[in-house]
C-alpha atoms as a PDB file:
ATOM      1  CA  MET A   1     -77.829  11.364  44.586  1.00  0.00           C
ATOM      2  CA  SER A   2     -77.242   7.979  42.944  1.00  0.00           C
ATOM      3  CA  LYS A   3     -75.368   6.842  46.059  1.00  0.00           C
ATOM      4  CA  LYS A   4     -78.824   6.163  47.493  1.00  0.00           C
ATOM      5  CA  VAL A   5     -79.108   3.332  45.001  1.00  0.00           C
ATOM      6  CA  ILE A   6     -75.910   1.760  46.343  1.00  0.00           C
ATOM      7  CA  ASP A   7     -77.205   2.086  49.899  1.00  0.00           C
ATOM      8  CA  ARG A   8     -80.477   0.478  48.870  1.00  0.00           C
ATOM      9  CA  LEU A   9     -78.697  -2.457  47.224  1.00  0.00           C
ATOM     10  CA  LYS A  10     -76.493  -3.022  50.264  1.00  0.00           C
ATOM     11  CA  ALA A  11     -79.536  -2.964  52.528  1.00  0.00           C
ATOM     12  CA  MET A  12     -81.383  -5.526  50.409  1.00  0.00           C
ATOM     13  CA  PHE A  13     -78.555  -7.800  49.259  1.00  0.00           C
ATOM     14  CA  GLY A  14     -75.989  -7.463  52.028  1.00  0.00           C
ATOM     15  CA  ASP A  15     -72.669  -9.149  51.276  1.00  0.00           C
ATOM     16  CA  ARG A  16     -73.919 -10.186  47.824  1.00  0.00           C
ATOM     17  CA  ILE A  17     -72.790  -6.680  46.867  1.00  0.00           C
ATOM     18  CA  LEU A  18     -69.086  -7.455  46.582  1.00  0.00           C
ATOM     19  CA  GLU A  19     -67.780  -3.952  45.929  1.00  0.00           C
ATOM     20  CA  SER A  20     -69.074  -0.428  45.452  1.00  0.00           C
ATOM     21  CA  SER A  21     -67.565   2.864  44.362  1.00  0.00           C
ATOM     22  CA  SER A  22     -68.611   6.429  43.629  1.00  0.00           C
ATOM     23  CA  LEU A  23     -65.568   7.815  41.826  1.00  0.00           C
ATOM     24  CA  ARG A  24     -66.295  11.306  40.471  1.00  0.00           C
ATOM     25  CA  GLY A  25     -70.014  10.718  40.784  1.00  0.00           C
ATOM     26  CA  ASP A  26     -70.032   7.468  38.794  1.00  0.00           C
ATOM     27  CA  ASP A  27     -71.791   5.086  41.156  1.00  0.00           C
ATOM     28  CA  GLU A  28     -71.124   1.399  40.672  1.00  0.00           C
ATOM     29  CA  VAL A  29     -71.590  -1.960  42.360  1.00  0.00           C
ATOM     30  CA  ARG A  30     -70.080  -5.340  41.575  1.00  0.00           C
ATOM     31  CA  VAL A  31     -71.865  -8.629  42.112  1.00  0.00           C
ATOM     32  CA  ALA A  32     -71.088 -12.282  41.470  1.00  0.00           C
ATOM     33  CA  PRO A  33     -72.344 -13.785  38.195  1.00  0.00           C
ATOM     34  CA  LYS A  34     -74.936 -15.851  40.104  1.00  0.00           C
ATOM     35  CA  ASP A  35     -76.520 -12.617  41.393  1.00  0.00           C
ATOM     36  CA  TRP A  36     -76.321 -10.716  38.093  1.00  0.00           C
ATOM     37  CA  ARG A  37     -79.901 -11.142  36.966  1.00  0.00           C
ATOM     38  CA  ASP A  38     -81.486 -10.884  40.433  1.00  0.00           C
ATOM     39  CA  VAL A  39     -79.829  -7.544  41.155  1.00  0.00           C
ATOM     40  CA  ALA A  40     -80.593  -6.229  37.674  1.00  0.00           C
ATOM     41  CA  ALA A  41     -84.289  -7.101  38.007  1.00  0.00           C
ATOM     42  CA  PHE A  42     -84.409  -5.554  41.462  1.00  0.00           C
ATOM     43  CA  LEU A  43     -82.962  -2.302  40.133  1.00  0.00           C
ATOM     44  CA  ARG A  44     -85.735  -2.148  37.556  1.00  0.00           C
ATOM     45  CA  ASP A  45     -88.633  -3.042  39.825  1.00  0.00           C
ATOM     46  CA  ASP A  46     -87.841  -1.595  43.244  1.00  0.00           C
ATOM     47  CA  GLY A  47     -89.754   1.589  44.045  1.00  0.00           C
ATOM     48  CA  GLN A  48     -86.642   3.293  45.432  1.00  0.00           C
ATOM     49  CA  THR A  49     -84.510   2.622  42.357  1.00  0.00           C
ATOM     50  CA  LEU A  50     -86.886   2.348  39.352  1.00  0.00           C
ATOM     51  CA  MET A  51     -84.124   1.784  36.786  1.00  0.00           C
ATOM     52  CA  ASP A  52     -86.478   1.788  33.808  1.00  0.00           C
ATOM     53  CA  HIS A  53     -83.966   3.129  31.269  1.00  0.00           C
ATOM     54  CA  PHE A  54     -81.454   0.651  29.885  1.00  0.00           C
ATOM     55  CA  LEU A  55     -78.496   2.695  28.611  1.00  0.00           C
ATOM     56  CA  ASP A  56     -75.830   0.218  27.551  1.00  0.00           C
ATOM     57  CA  LEU A  57     -74.212  -3.126  28.155  1.00  0.00           C
ATOM     58  CA  THR A  58     -70.583  -3.807  27.338  1.00  0.00           C
ATOM     59  CA  ALA A  59     -67.545  -5.847  28.345  1.00  0.00           C
ATOM     60  CA  VAL A  60     -63.908  -5.210  29.232  1.00  0.00           C
ATOM     61  CA  ASP A  61     -61.099  -7.683  28.633  1.00  0.00           C
ATOM     62  CA  TYR A  62     -58.346  -8.238  31.222  1.00  0.00           C
ATOM     63  CA  PRO A  63     -56.294 -11.051  29.642  1.00  0.00           C
ATOM     64  CA  GLU A  64     -53.667 -11.021  32.408  1.00  0.00           C
ATOM     65  CA  ARG A  65     -56.202 -11.432  35.220  1.00  0.00           C
ATOM     66  CA  GLU A  66     -56.243 -15.020  36.409  1.00  0.00           C
ATOM     67  CA  GLU A  67     -59.527 -15.325  38.302  1.00  0.00           C
ATOM     68  CA  ALA A  68     -61.994 -14.042  35.698  1.00  0.00           C
ATOM     69  CA  ARG A  69     -60.912 -12.536  32.429  1.00  0.00           C
ATOM     70  CA  PHE A  70     -63.916 -10.379  31.525  1.00  0.00           C
ATOM     71  CA  ASP A  71     -65.910  -7.644  33.207  1.00  0.00           C
ATOM     72  CA  VAL A  72     -69.476  -7.249  31.960  1.00  0.00           C
ATOM     73  CA  VAL A  73     -70.877  -3.808  32.736  1.00  0.00           C
ATOM     74  CA  LEU A  74     -74.521  -2.686  32.686  1.00  0.00           C
ATOM     75  CA  PHE A  75     -75.435   1.024  32.564  1.00  0.00           C
ATOM     76  CA  LEU A  76     -78.842   2.018  33.931  1.00  0.00           C
ATOM     77  CA  ARG A  77     -80.840   5.175  34.656  1.00  0.00           C
ATOM     78  CA  SER A  78     -84.101   6.004  36.362  1.00  0.00           C
ATOM     79  CA  MET A  79     -86.048   8.484  34.266  1.00  0.00           C
ATOM     80  CA  LYS A  80     -88.334   9.291  37.191  1.00  0.00           C
ATOM     81  CA  LEU A  81     -85.752   9.592  39.970  1.00  0.00           C
ATOM     82  CA  ASN A  82     -82.811  10.680  37.779  1.00  0.00           C
ATOM     83  CA  HIS A  83     -80.533   8.091  39.387  1.00  0.00           C
ATOM     84  CA  ARG A  84     -77.763   6.380  37.470  1.00  0.00           C
ATOM     85  CA  ILE A  85     -75.869   3.208  38.333  1.00  0.00           C
ATOM     86  CA  ARG A  86     -73.376   0.793  36.826  1.00  0.00           C
ATOM     87  CA  LEU A  87     -73.738  -2.891  37.603  1.00  0.00           C
ATOM     88  CA  ARG A  88     -70.598  -4.940  37.034  1.00  0.00           C
ATOM     89  CA  THR A  89     -69.687  -8.596  37.257  1.00  0.00           C
ATOM     90  CA  ARG A  90     -66.672 -10.725  36.350  1.00  0.00           C
ATOM     91  CA  VAL A  91     -66.804 -13.890  34.293  1.00  0.00           C
ATOM     92  CA  ALA A  92     -64.173 -16.392  33.310  1.00  0.00           C
ATOM     93  CA  GLU A  93     -63.596 -17.502  29.752  1.00  0.00           C
ATOM     94  CA  ASP A  94     -66.362 -19.895  28.666  1.00  0.00           C
ATOM     95  CA  GLN A  95     -68.399 -19.039  31.795  1.00  0.00           C
ATOM     96  CA  PRO A  96     -71.985 -18.207  30.754  1.00  0.00           C
ATOM     97  CA  LEU A  97     -73.823 -15.227  32.222  1.00  0.00           C
ATOM     98  CA  ALA A  98     -77.593 -14.964  32.607  1.00  0.00           C
ATOM     99  CA  SER A  99     -79.278 -13.013  29.811  1.00  0.00           C
ATOM    100  CA  LEU A 100     -81.193  -9.861  30.743  1.00  0.00           C
ATOM    101  CA  ILE A 101     -83.525  -9.844  27.753  1.00  0.00           C
ATOM    102  CA  ASP A 102     -86.572 -10.547  29.920  1.00  0.00           C
ATOM    103  CA  VAL A 103     -85.595  -7.598  32.141  1.00  0.00           C
ATOM    104  CA  TRP A 104     -84.768  -5.082  29.391  1.00  0.00           C
ATOM    105  CA  ALA A 105     -85.534  -6.150  25.825  1.00  0.00           C
ATOM    106  CA  GLY A 106     -82.906  -3.676  24.615  1.00  0.00           C
ATOM    107  CA  THR A 107     -80.113  -5.883  25.925  1.00  0.00           C
ATOM    108  CA  ASN A 108     -80.755  -8.323  23.066  1.00  0.00           C
ATOM    109  CA  TRP A 109     -78.384  -6.781  20.532  1.00  0.00           C
ATOM    110  CA  ALA A 110     -75.914  -5.664  23.206  1.00  0.00           C
ATOM    111  CA  GLU A 111     -75.500  -9.244  24.440  1.00  0.00           C
ATOM    112  CA  ARG A 112     -75.031 -10.432  20.872  1.00  0.00           C
ATOM    113  CA  GLU A 113     -72.371  -7.785  20.325  1.00  0.00           C
ATOM    114  CA  ILE A 114     -70.483  -8.844  23.467  1.00  0.00           C
ATOM    115  CA  PHE A 115     -70.665 -12.452  22.332  1.00  0.00           C
ATOM    116  CA  ASP A 116     -69.463 -11.478  18.862  1.00  0.00           C
ATOM    117  CA  MET A 117     -66.601  -9.224  19.989  1.00  0.00           C
ATOM    118  CA  PHE A 118     -65.455 -10.916  23.234  1.00  0.00           C
ATOM    119  CA  GLY A 119     -66.866 -14.449  23.172  1.00  0.00           C
ATOM    120  CA  VAL A 120     -68.896 -14.061  26.394  1.00  0.00           C
ATOM    121  CA  LYS A 121     -71.983 -16.274  26.243  1.00  0.00           C
ATOM    122  CA  PHE A 122     -75.383 -15.320  27.681  1.00  0.00           C
ATOM    123  CA  GLU A 123     -77.466 -18.153  29.038  1.00  0.00           C
ATOM    124  CA  GLY A 124     -81.109 -17.933  28.007  1.00  0.00           C
ATOM    125  CA  HIS A 125     -80.542 -15.624  25.057  1.00  0.00           C
ATOM    126  CA  PRO A 126     -83.007 -16.698  22.323  1.00  0.00           C
ATOM    127  CA  ASP A 127     -80.763 -15.882  19.338  1.00  0.00           C
ATOM    128  CA  LEU A 128     -77.118 -15.763  20.403  1.00  0.00           C
ATOM    129  CA  ARG A 129     -75.225 -15.418  17.133  1.00  0.00           C
ATOM    130  CA  ARG A 130     -72.778 -12.959  15.620  1.00  0.00           C
ATOM    131  CA  ILE A 131     -74.177  -9.515  14.897  1.00  0.00           C
ATOM    132  CA  LEU A 132     -71.227  -7.586  13.393  1.00  0.00           C
ATOM    133  CA  MET A 133     -68.863 -10.272  12.121  1.00  0.00           C
ATOM    134  CA  TYR A 134     -69.810 -12.870   9.509  1.00  0.00           C
ATOM    135  CA  ASP A 135     -70.370 -16.471  10.524  1.00  0.00           C
ATOM    136  CA  GLU A 136     -66.996 -17.693   9.265  1.00  0.00           C
ATOM    137  CA  PHE A 137     -65.047 -15.085  11.254  1.00  0.00           C
ATOM    138  CA  GLU A 138     -62.605 -16.784  13.605  1.00  0.00           C
ATOM    139  CA  GLY A 139     -61.891 -15.399  17.072  1.00  0.00           C
ATOM    140  CA  TYR A 140     -63.128 -12.332  18.918  1.00  0.00           C
ATOM    141  CA  PRO A 141     -61.710  -9.027  17.649  1.00  0.00           C
ATOM    142  CA  LEU A 142     -62.073  -6.910  20.814  1.00  0.00           C
ATOM    143  CA  ARG A 143     -60.064  -9.279  22.964  1.00  0.00           C
ATOM    144  CA  LYS A 144     -56.801  -7.565  23.729  1.00  0.00           C
ATOM    145  CA  ASP A 145     -54.731 -10.518  22.610  1.00  0.00           C
ATOM    146  CA  TYR A 146     -56.431 -10.770  19.224  1.00  0.00           C
ATOM    147  CA  PRO A 147     -53.597 -10.770  16.630  1.00  0.00           C
ATOM    148  CA  ILE A 148     -53.647  -7.413  14.834  1.00  0.00           C
ATOM    149  CA  ALA A 149     -52.020  -8.904  11.736  1.00  0.00           C
ATOM    150  CA  ARG A 150     -54.432 -11.791  11.396  1.00  0.00           C
ATOM    151  CA  VAL A 151     -56.080 -12.174   8.017  1.00  0.00           C
ATOM    152  CA  GLN A 152     -59.497 -13.769   8.344  1.00  0.00           C
ATOM    153  CA  PRO A 153     -60.849 -16.458   6.027  1.00  0.00           C
ATOM    154  CA  LEU A 154     -61.954 -14.962   2.732  1.00  0.00           C
ATOM    155  CA  VAL A 155     -65.463 -16.082   1.840  1.00  0.00           C
ATOM    156  CA  PRO A 156     -67.196 -15.839  -1.529  1.00  0.00           C
ATOM    157  CA  TYR A 157     -69.305 -12.758  -2.144  1.00  0.00           C
ATOM    158  CA  ARG A 158     -72.923 -13.579  -1.381  1.00  0.00           C
ATOM    159  CA  GLN A 159     -75.649 -12.416  -3.736  1.00  0.00           C
ATOM    160  CA  VAL A 160     -78.892 -11.953  -1.817  1.00  0.00           C
ATOM    161  CA  GLU A 161     -82.086 -11.813  -3.858  1.00  0.00           C
ATOM    162  CA  GLY A 162     -83.980  -8.548  -3.489  1.00  0.00           C
ATOM    163  CA  ILE A 163     -81.137  -6.720  -1.736  1.00  0.00           C
ATOM    164  CA  GLU A 164     -78.782  -4.333  -3.521  1.00  0.00           C
ATOM    165  CA  LYS A 165     -75.297  -4.448  -2.021  1.00  0.00           C
ATOM    166  CA  LEU A 166     -71.980  -2.833  -2.752  1.00  0.00           C
ATOM    167  CA  ALA A 167     -69.285  -5.234  -3.822  1.00  0.00           C
ATOM    168  CA  PRO A 168     -66.912  -6.202  -0.996  1.00  0.00           C
ATOM    169  CA  PHE A 169     -63.394  -4.868  -0.533  1.00  0.00           C
ATOM    170  CA  GLY A 170     -60.789  -6.467  -2.696  1.00  0.00           C
ATOM    171  CA  ASP A 171     -57.941  -8.472  -1.187  1.00  0.00           C
ATOM    172  CA  ASP A 172     -55.701  -5.394  -1.227  1.00  0.00           C
ATOM    173  CA  GLU A 173     -58.271  -3.041   0.294  1.00  0.00           C
ATOM    174  CA  GLY A 174     -59.287  -4.689   3.548  1.00  0.00           C
ATOM    175  CA  MET A 175     -57.492  -5.511   6.810  1.00  0.00           C
ATOM    176  CA  PRO A 176     -55.532  -2.231   7.153  1.00  0.00           C
ATOM    177  CA  PHE A 177     -53.887  -3.268  10.431  1.00  0.00           C
ATOM    178  CA  ALA A 178     -52.380  -6.302   8.732  1.00  0.00           C
ATOM    179  CA  ARG A 179     -50.460  -4.034   6.353  1.00  0.00           C
ATOM    180  CA  VAL A 180     -48.769  -1.994   9.102  1.00  0.00           C
ATOM    181  CA  ASP A 181     -45.214  -2.967  10.010  1.00  0.00           C
ATOM    182  CA  TRP A 182     -45.704  -2.514  13.752  1.00  0.00           C
ATOM    183  CA  ALA A 183     -42.303  -3.927  14.660  1.00  0.00           C
ATOM    184  CA  SER A 184     -40.530  -1.165  12.721  1.00  0.00           C
ATOM    185  CA  ARG A 185     -42.944   1.529  13.841  1.00  0.00           C
ATOM    186  CA  VAL A 186     -42.356   1.032  17.567  1.00  0.00           C
ATOM    187  CA  ALA A 187     -38.829  -0.418  17.516  1.00  0.00           C
ATOM    188  CA  GLY A 188     -36.591   1.068  20.209  1.00  0.00           C
ATOM    189  CA  ALA A 189     -39.167   3.587  21.398  1.00  0.00           C
ATOM    190  CA  ASP A 190     -40.400   1.729  24.505  1.00  0.00           C
ATOM    191  CA  LEU A 191     -43.859   3.103  23.814  1.00  0.00           C
ATOM    192  CA  PRO A 192     -46.930   1.769  25.644  1.00  0.00           C
ATOM    193  CA  VAL A 193     -48.824  -0.388  23.177  1.00  0.00           C
ATOM    194  CA  SER A 194     -51.810  -2.693  23.196  1.00  0.00           C
ATOM    195  CA  THR A 195     -51.583  -6.213  24.549  1.00  0.00           C
ATOM    196  CA  GLY A 196     -51.701  -7.730  21.070  1.00  0.00           C
ATOM    197  CA  ILE A 197     -48.925  -5.515  19.700  1.00  0.00           C
ATOM    198  CA  GLY A 198     -46.873  -5.932  22.862  1.00  0.00           C
ATOM    199  CA  ALA A 199     -47.014  -9.712  22.629  1.00  0.00           C
ATOM    200  CA  SER A 200     -45.749  -9.681  19.049  1.00  0.00           C
ATOM    201  CA  THR A 201     -43.101  -6.943  19.355  1.00  0.00           C
ATOM    202  CA  GLY A 202     -41.807  -7.280  22.910  1.00  0.00           C
ATOM    203  CA  GLN A 203     -42.979  -3.769  23.832  1.00  0.00           C
ATOM    204  CA  ARG A 204     -44.518  -3.097  27.218  1.00  0.00           C
ATOM    205  CA  LYS A 205     -48.289  -3.090  27.475  1.00  0.00           C
ATOM    206  CA  ASN A 206     -50.081   0.034  28.614  1.00  0.00           C
ATOM    207  CA  LEU A 207     -53.347  -1.318  29.982  1.00  0.00           C
ATOM    208  CA  SER A 208     -52.278  -3.007  33.196  1.00  0.00           C
ATOM    209  CA  GLN A 209     -48.970  -1.247  33.739  1.00  0.00           C
ATOM    210  CA  GLY A 210     -50.002   2.404  33.551  1.00  0.00           C
ATOM    211  CA  ALA A 211     -49.052   3.530  37.069  1.00  0.00           C
ATOM    212  CA  GLU A 212     -45.650   1.880  36.917  1.00  0.00           C
ATOM    213  CA  TYR A 213     -44.718   3.795  33.786  1.00  0.00           C
ATOM    214  CA  ALA A 214     -46.343   7.136  34.609  1.00  0.00           C
ATOM    215  CA  GLY A 215     -44.407  10.001  33.110  1.00  0.00           C
ATOM    216  CA  LYS A 216     -42.206   7.804  30.905  1.00  0.00           C
ATOM    217  CA  VAL A 217     -44.148   8.156  27.666  1.00  0.00           C
ATOM    218  CA  PRO A 218     -42.229  10.331  25.167  1.00  0.00           C
ATOM    219  CA  VAL A 219     -43.926  13.642  24.378  1.00  0.00           C
ATOM    220  CA  ALA A 220     -43.889  14.916  20.813  1.00  0.00           C
ATOM    221  CA  THR A 221     -42.199  18.278  20.241  1.00  0.00           C
ATOM    222  CA  ASP A 222     -41.726  20.644  17.314  1.00  0.00           C
ATOM    223  CA  GLU A 223     -38.001  19.872  17.132  1.00  0.00           C
END
């Protein structure tokens, strides 16, 4: 049923719809960053789509892709028509993308989270600052090449007047990934690992090489 939304977008935007798919009922279109906001607003306002329910907004990191590192993906639903659609675009590192706050106010925190975790900037966002990490945090932790053993700057504990807070983790309690000896854990196993671990241990990466290594992952047994 949601394929009607794809047909409607193709009829109205023509070759500005770069790709479309309907794999297992998940209907999706991809547009260029310059068309991101126009298509999003159309999906909300058009009488044949009526995407009035903002579901989610997230990003995906493809560090080995040369043309544009990040996919930004918008999930929408029409409560009246019961249509669902994913709108996707690709942006390069340091390439800003138009904010959708004036289309769906709920994208405010989602855009801040993407900025905080991936470093994607949203042009026109009224308050684009970190939402999960503290201001002194360096880097973007959901990028696949973020070093898993990195210890972030330690900042003094902040007392805030009128707010009761638990004391922070001690130096020996935080950063659990930094205390794992990944090199020993995966040595000689040829296991598929994340991009960050693969870069530091020489193991193969599983995210962009899945088909090539299908069936080669060791299976645990009771022996």
